[in-house]
N, C-alpha and C. Protein backbone atom coordinates (compact mmCIF):
# COMPACT_ATOMS: atom_id res chain seq x y z
N MET A 1 4.06 -14.23 -40.02
CA MET A 1 4.60 -14.09 -38.69
C MET A 1 3.61 -13.28 -37.83
N ASN A 2 3.41 -13.73 -36.61
CA ASN A 2 2.51 -13.08 -35.68
C ASN A 2 3.22 -11.94 -34.96
N MET A 3 2.64 -10.76 -34.98
CA MET A 3 3.24 -9.60 -34.32
C MET A 3 2.49 -9.32 -33.02
N THR A 4 3.24 -8.99 -31.99
CA THR A 4 2.65 -8.64 -30.71
C THR A 4 2.93 -7.17 -30.44
N SER A 5 1.90 -6.45 -30.02
CA SER A 5 2.10 -5.02 -29.76
C SER A 5 2.88 -4.81 -28.46
N ILE A 6 3.62 -3.73 -28.44
CA ILE A 6 4.39 -3.40 -27.24
C ILE A 6 3.45 -3.16 -26.07
N GLY A 7 2.34 -2.52 -26.33
CA GLY A 7 1.36 -2.24 -25.28
C GLY A 7 0.85 -3.48 -24.59
N SER A 8 0.73 -4.57 -25.30
CA SER A 8 0.25 -5.80 -24.67
C SER A 8 1.36 -6.51 -23.90
N MET A 9 2.62 -6.25 -24.27
CA MET A 9 3.75 -6.88 -23.58
C MET A 9 4.17 -6.10 -22.34
N LEU A 10 3.95 -4.81 -22.34
CA LEU A 10 4.45 -3.95 -21.28
C LEU A 10 3.92 -4.30 -19.89
N PRO A 11 2.62 -4.50 -19.68
CA PRO A 11 2.16 -4.83 -18.33
C PRO A 11 2.84 -6.07 -17.74
N GLU A 12 3.03 -7.11 -18.52
CA GLU A 12 3.67 -8.32 -18.03
C GLU A 12 5.14 -8.06 -17.72
N HIS A 13 5.81 -7.30 -18.57
CA HIS A 13 7.22 -6.97 -18.34
C HIS A 13 7.37 -6.14 -17.06
N LEU A 14 6.51 -5.14 -16.87
CA LEU A 14 6.57 -4.31 -15.68
C LEU A 14 6.30 -5.12 -14.42
N LYS A 15 5.37 -6.06 -14.52
CA LYS A 15 5.02 -6.89 -13.38
C LYS A 15 6.23 -7.67 -12.88
N ASN A 16 7.09 -8.09 -13.78
CA ASN A 16 8.24 -8.92 -13.42
C ASN A 16 9.53 -8.13 -13.22
N SER A 17 9.45 -6.81 -13.18
CA SER A 17 10.66 -6.00 -13.06
C SER A 17 10.66 -5.22 -11.74
N LYS A 18 11.80 -4.64 -11.39
CA LYS A 18 11.91 -3.79 -10.20
C LYS A 18 11.02 -2.56 -10.35
N VAL A 19 10.93 -2.04 -11.56
CA VAL A 19 10.07 -0.88 -11.79
C VAL A 19 8.63 -1.23 -11.45
N GLY A 20 8.19 -2.39 -11.85
CA GLY A 20 6.84 -2.84 -11.54
C GLY A 20 6.61 -2.94 -10.05
N GLU A 21 7.60 -3.46 -9.32
CA GLU A 21 7.50 -3.56 -7.86
C GLU A 21 7.39 -2.17 -7.23
N GLN A 22 8.17 -1.23 -7.74
CA GLN A 22 8.14 0.12 -7.20
C GLN A 22 6.82 0.82 -7.50
N LEU A 23 6.29 0.60 -8.69
CA LEU A 23 4.99 1.17 -9.04
C LEU A 23 3.89 0.60 -8.15
N GLU A 24 3.96 -0.70 -7.92
CA GLU A 24 2.98 -1.36 -7.06
C GLU A 24 3.08 -0.82 -5.64
N ALA A 25 4.29 -0.66 -5.12
CA ALA A 25 4.49 -0.14 -3.77
C ALA A 25 3.96 1.28 -3.65
N THR A 26 4.21 2.11 -4.65
CA THR A 26 3.71 3.48 -4.65
C THR A 26 2.19 3.50 -4.63
N ALA A 27 1.59 2.63 -5.41
CA ALA A 27 0.12 2.55 -5.44
C ALA A 27 -0.42 2.14 -4.07
N VAL A 28 0.27 1.23 -3.40
CA VAL A 28 -0.16 0.80 -2.06
C VAL A 28 -0.09 1.97 -1.08
N LEU A 29 0.98 2.75 -1.12
CA LEU A 29 1.12 3.90 -0.22
C LEU A 29 0.00 4.91 -0.45
N GLU A 30 -0.32 5.14 -1.71
CA GLU A 30 -1.41 6.07 -2.03
C GLU A 30 -2.76 5.54 -1.57
N ARG A 31 -2.98 4.24 -1.78
CA ARG A 31 -4.25 3.64 -1.34
C ARG A 31 -4.36 3.67 0.19
N PHE A 32 -3.24 3.45 0.87
CA PHE A 32 -3.26 3.50 2.32
C PHE A 32 -3.68 4.90 2.80
N MET A 33 -3.08 5.94 2.22
CA MET A 33 -3.42 7.30 2.64
C MET A 33 -4.88 7.62 2.34
N LYS A 34 -5.39 7.11 1.24
CA LYS A 34 -6.80 7.31 0.91
C LYS A 34 -7.69 6.71 2.00
N LYS A 35 -7.38 5.49 2.41
CA LYS A 35 -8.18 4.81 3.44
C LYS A 35 -8.01 5.51 4.80
N ALA A 36 -6.79 5.92 5.12
CA ALA A 36 -6.55 6.61 6.40
C ALA A 36 -7.34 7.91 6.46
N GLN A 37 -7.36 8.65 5.36
CA GLN A 37 -8.13 9.90 5.33
C GLN A 37 -9.62 9.63 5.44
N GLU A 38 -10.05 8.51 4.86
CA GLU A 38 -11.47 8.14 4.95
C GLU A 38 -11.84 7.83 6.40
N ILE A 39 -10.96 7.17 7.13
CA ILE A 39 -11.24 6.78 8.52
C ILE A 39 -11.06 7.95 9.48
N TRP A 40 -9.92 8.67 9.37
CA TRP A 40 -9.56 9.70 10.36
C TRP A 40 -9.63 11.13 9.85
N GLY A 41 -9.86 11.34 8.58
CA GLY A 41 -9.93 12.69 8.04
C GLY A 41 -8.58 13.19 7.53
N LYS A 42 -8.62 14.31 6.81
CA LYS A 42 -7.40 14.86 6.18
C LYS A 42 -6.34 15.28 7.20
N ALA A 43 -6.73 15.65 8.40
CA ALA A 43 -5.78 16.11 9.40
C ALA A 43 -4.78 15.02 9.80
N ILE A 44 -5.09 13.78 9.49
CA ILE A 44 -4.22 12.66 9.86
C ILE A 44 -2.87 12.73 9.17
N GLU A 45 -2.78 13.44 8.05
CA GLU A 45 -1.53 13.53 7.31
C GLU A 45 -0.38 14.08 8.15
N GLN A 46 -0.70 14.88 9.17
CA GLN A 46 0.33 15.44 10.05
C GLN A 46 0.85 14.41 11.04
N ASP A 47 0.06 13.40 11.36
CA ASP A 47 0.42 12.44 12.41
C ASP A 47 0.90 11.09 11.91
N MET A 48 0.79 10.84 10.63
CA MET A 48 1.27 9.55 10.11
C MET A 48 1.67 9.66 8.66
N ARG A 49 2.54 8.76 8.26
CA ARG A 49 2.98 8.73 6.87
C ARG A 49 3.39 7.30 6.53
N PRO A 50 2.83 6.74 5.46
CA PRO A 50 3.31 5.42 5.01
C PRO A 50 4.72 5.59 4.45
N MET A 51 5.63 4.72 4.86
CA MET A 51 7.04 4.88 4.49
C MET A 51 7.43 4.00 3.31
N TYR A 52 7.25 2.69 3.45
CA TYR A 52 7.67 1.77 2.39
C TYR A 52 6.99 0.42 2.55
N LEU A 53 7.01 -0.33 1.46
CA LEU A 53 6.47 -1.68 1.41
C LEU A 53 7.63 -2.63 1.13
N LYS A 54 7.83 -3.59 2.02
CA LYS A 54 8.91 -4.57 1.84
C LYS A 54 8.45 -5.90 2.41
N ASN A 55 8.62 -6.95 1.63
CA ASN A 55 8.23 -8.30 2.05
C ASN A 55 6.79 -8.37 2.54
N LYS A 56 5.91 -7.70 1.80
CA LYS A 56 4.47 -7.68 2.08
C LYS A 56 4.13 -7.03 3.41
N THR A 57 5.06 -6.22 3.94
CA THR A 57 4.83 -5.47 5.17
C THR A 57 4.88 -3.98 4.86
N LEU A 58 3.80 -3.28 5.17
CA LEU A 58 3.74 -1.84 4.97
C LEU A 58 4.17 -1.17 6.27
N THR A 59 5.23 -0.38 6.21
CA THR A 59 5.74 0.33 7.38
C THR A 59 5.19 1.75 7.38
N ILE A 60 4.65 2.14 8.54
CA ILE A 60 3.98 3.43 8.68
C ILE A 60 4.60 4.18 9.86
N ALA A 61 5.04 5.40 9.62
CA ALA A 61 5.53 6.26 10.70
C ALA A 61 4.30 6.90 11.35
N VAL A 62 4.21 6.77 12.68
CA VAL A 62 3.06 7.26 13.43
C VAL A 62 3.56 8.21 14.50
N GLY A 63 2.86 9.33 14.68
CA GLY A 63 3.28 10.37 15.60
C GLY A 63 3.11 10.05 17.07
N ASN A 64 2.18 9.16 17.42
CA ASN A 64 1.97 8.83 18.83
C ASN A 64 1.41 7.43 19.00
N SER A 65 1.55 6.90 20.19
CA SER A 65 1.14 5.52 20.45
C SER A 65 -0.38 5.35 20.43
N VAL A 66 -1.13 6.39 20.75
CA VAL A 66 -2.59 6.31 20.73
C VAL A 66 -3.07 6.07 19.30
N LEU A 67 -2.50 6.80 18.36
CA LEU A 67 -2.86 6.61 16.95
C LEU A 67 -2.44 5.22 16.47
N ALA A 68 -1.27 4.77 16.88
CA ALA A 68 -0.82 3.42 16.49
C ALA A 68 -1.80 2.37 17.00
N GLN A 69 -2.29 2.54 18.24
CA GLN A 69 -3.27 1.60 18.79
C GLN A 69 -4.58 1.64 18.00
N GLU A 70 -5.01 2.83 17.67
CA GLU A 70 -6.25 2.97 16.91
C GLU A 70 -6.11 2.35 15.52
N MET A 71 -4.95 2.54 14.92
CA MET A 71 -4.70 1.94 13.61
C MET A 71 -4.71 0.42 13.71
N LYS A 72 -4.19 -0.09 14.80
CA LYS A 72 -4.18 -1.55 15.01
C LYS A 72 -5.62 -2.08 15.06
N LEU A 73 -6.52 -1.31 15.65
CA LEU A 73 -7.93 -1.72 15.71
C LEU A 73 -8.56 -1.78 14.31
N HIS A 74 -8.10 -0.93 13.41
CA HIS A 74 -8.64 -0.87 12.04
C HIS A 74 -7.79 -1.66 11.05
N GLU A 75 -6.80 -2.39 11.53
CA GLU A 75 -5.83 -3.05 10.65
C GLU A 75 -6.48 -4.00 9.64
N GLU A 76 -7.41 -4.80 10.07
CA GLU A 76 -8.05 -5.76 9.15
C GLU A 76 -8.79 -5.03 8.03
N LYS A 77 -9.49 -3.97 8.38
CA LYS A 77 -10.22 -3.18 7.39
C LYS A 77 -9.24 -2.55 6.38
N ILE A 78 -8.12 -2.05 6.88
CA ILE A 78 -7.11 -1.42 6.02
C ILE A 78 -6.49 -2.45 5.09
N LEU A 79 -6.13 -3.61 5.63
CA LEU A 79 -5.54 -4.67 4.80
C LEU A 79 -6.51 -5.15 3.73
N ASP A 80 -7.77 -5.32 4.10
CA ASP A 80 -8.78 -5.72 3.11
C ASP A 80 -8.88 -4.69 1.99
N PHE A 81 -8.88 -3.42 2.35
CA PHE A 81 -8.96 -2.35 1.35
C PHE A 81 -7.74 -2.37 0.42
N LEU A 82 -6.55 -2.55 0.98
CA LEU A 82 -5.32 -2.53 0.18
C LEU A 82 -5.24 -3.72 -0.78
N ASN A 83 -5.84 -4.83 -0.40
CA ASN A 83 -5.73 -6.05 -1.20
C ASN A 83 -6.99 -6.39 -1.99
N ASP A 84 -8.01 -5.55 -1.95
CA ASP A 84 -9.29 -5.93 -2.56
C ASP A 84 -9.29 -6.01 -4.08
N SER A 85 -8.36 -5.35 -4.74
CA SER A 85 -8.40 -5.35 -6.21
C SER A 85 -7.32 -6.23 -6.84
N VAL A 86 -6.72 -7.10 -6.06
CA VAL A 86 -5.64 -7.95 -6.57
C VAL A 86 -5.95 -9.41 -6.28
N ASP A 87 -5.34 -10.30 -7.07
CA ASP A 87 -5.56 -11.73 -6.88
C ASP A 87 -4.80 -12.25 -5.66
N GLU A 88 -3.57 -11.79 -5.49
CA GLU A 88 -2.72 -12.24 -4.39
C GLU A 88 -2.46 -11.05 -3.46
N ALA A 89 -2.48 -11.29 -2.16
CA ALA A 89 -2.29 -10.20 -1.19
C ALA A 89 -0.96 -9.49 -1.41
N ILE A 90 -1.01 -8.18 -1.53
CA ILE A 90 0.18 -7.36 -1.67
C ILE A 90 0.72 -7.02 -0.28
N VAL A 91 -0.20 -6.74 0.64
CA VAL A 91 0.17 -6.37 2.00
C VAL A 91 -0.44 -7.38 2.96
N GLU A 92 0.39 -8.01 3.76
CA GLU A 92 -0.10 -8.98 4.74
C GLU A 92 -0.01 -8.46 6.17
N ARG A 93 0.77 -7.40 6.36
CA ARG A 93 1.04 -6.93 7.71
C ARG A 93 1.31 -5.43 7.69
N LEU A 94 0.89 -4.75 8.76
CA LEU A 94 1.22 -3.34 8.95
C LEU A 94 2.21 -3.25 10.11
N ARG A 95 3.21 -2.42 9.94
CA ARG A 95 4.24 -2.22 10.97
C ARG A 95 4.23 -0.74 11.32
N TYR A 96 4.24 -0.42 12.60
CA TYR A 96 4.14 0.96 13.05
C TYR A 96 5.47 1.41 13.66
N LEU A 97 5.97 2.56 13.21
CA LEU A 97 7.17 3.17 13.79
C LEU A 97 6.76 4.42 14.55
N LEU A 98 7.14 4.49 15.81
CA LEU A 98 6.81 5.67 16.63
C LEU A 98 7.95 6.65 16.60
């Protein structure tokens, strides 16, 4: 009988579960903050916060409309960064909450 290790089964199981979706969403939020800090610096943490990922849309709370406009200008670069290490796009759209 062929035995399969739990370690080899776990990634596939997580991928198809709610836990896997939550882990993926958390990773996206962290990657977004990394890119935002790279573009605008550490001080940006006071003016924006990624909130949640739902239906391939990342919702971001933004402190002012000027920052939201600037983020819109960098949106393609941010989306490329968020999706560069995956086969299928995780984030297709950014949504800004003022």
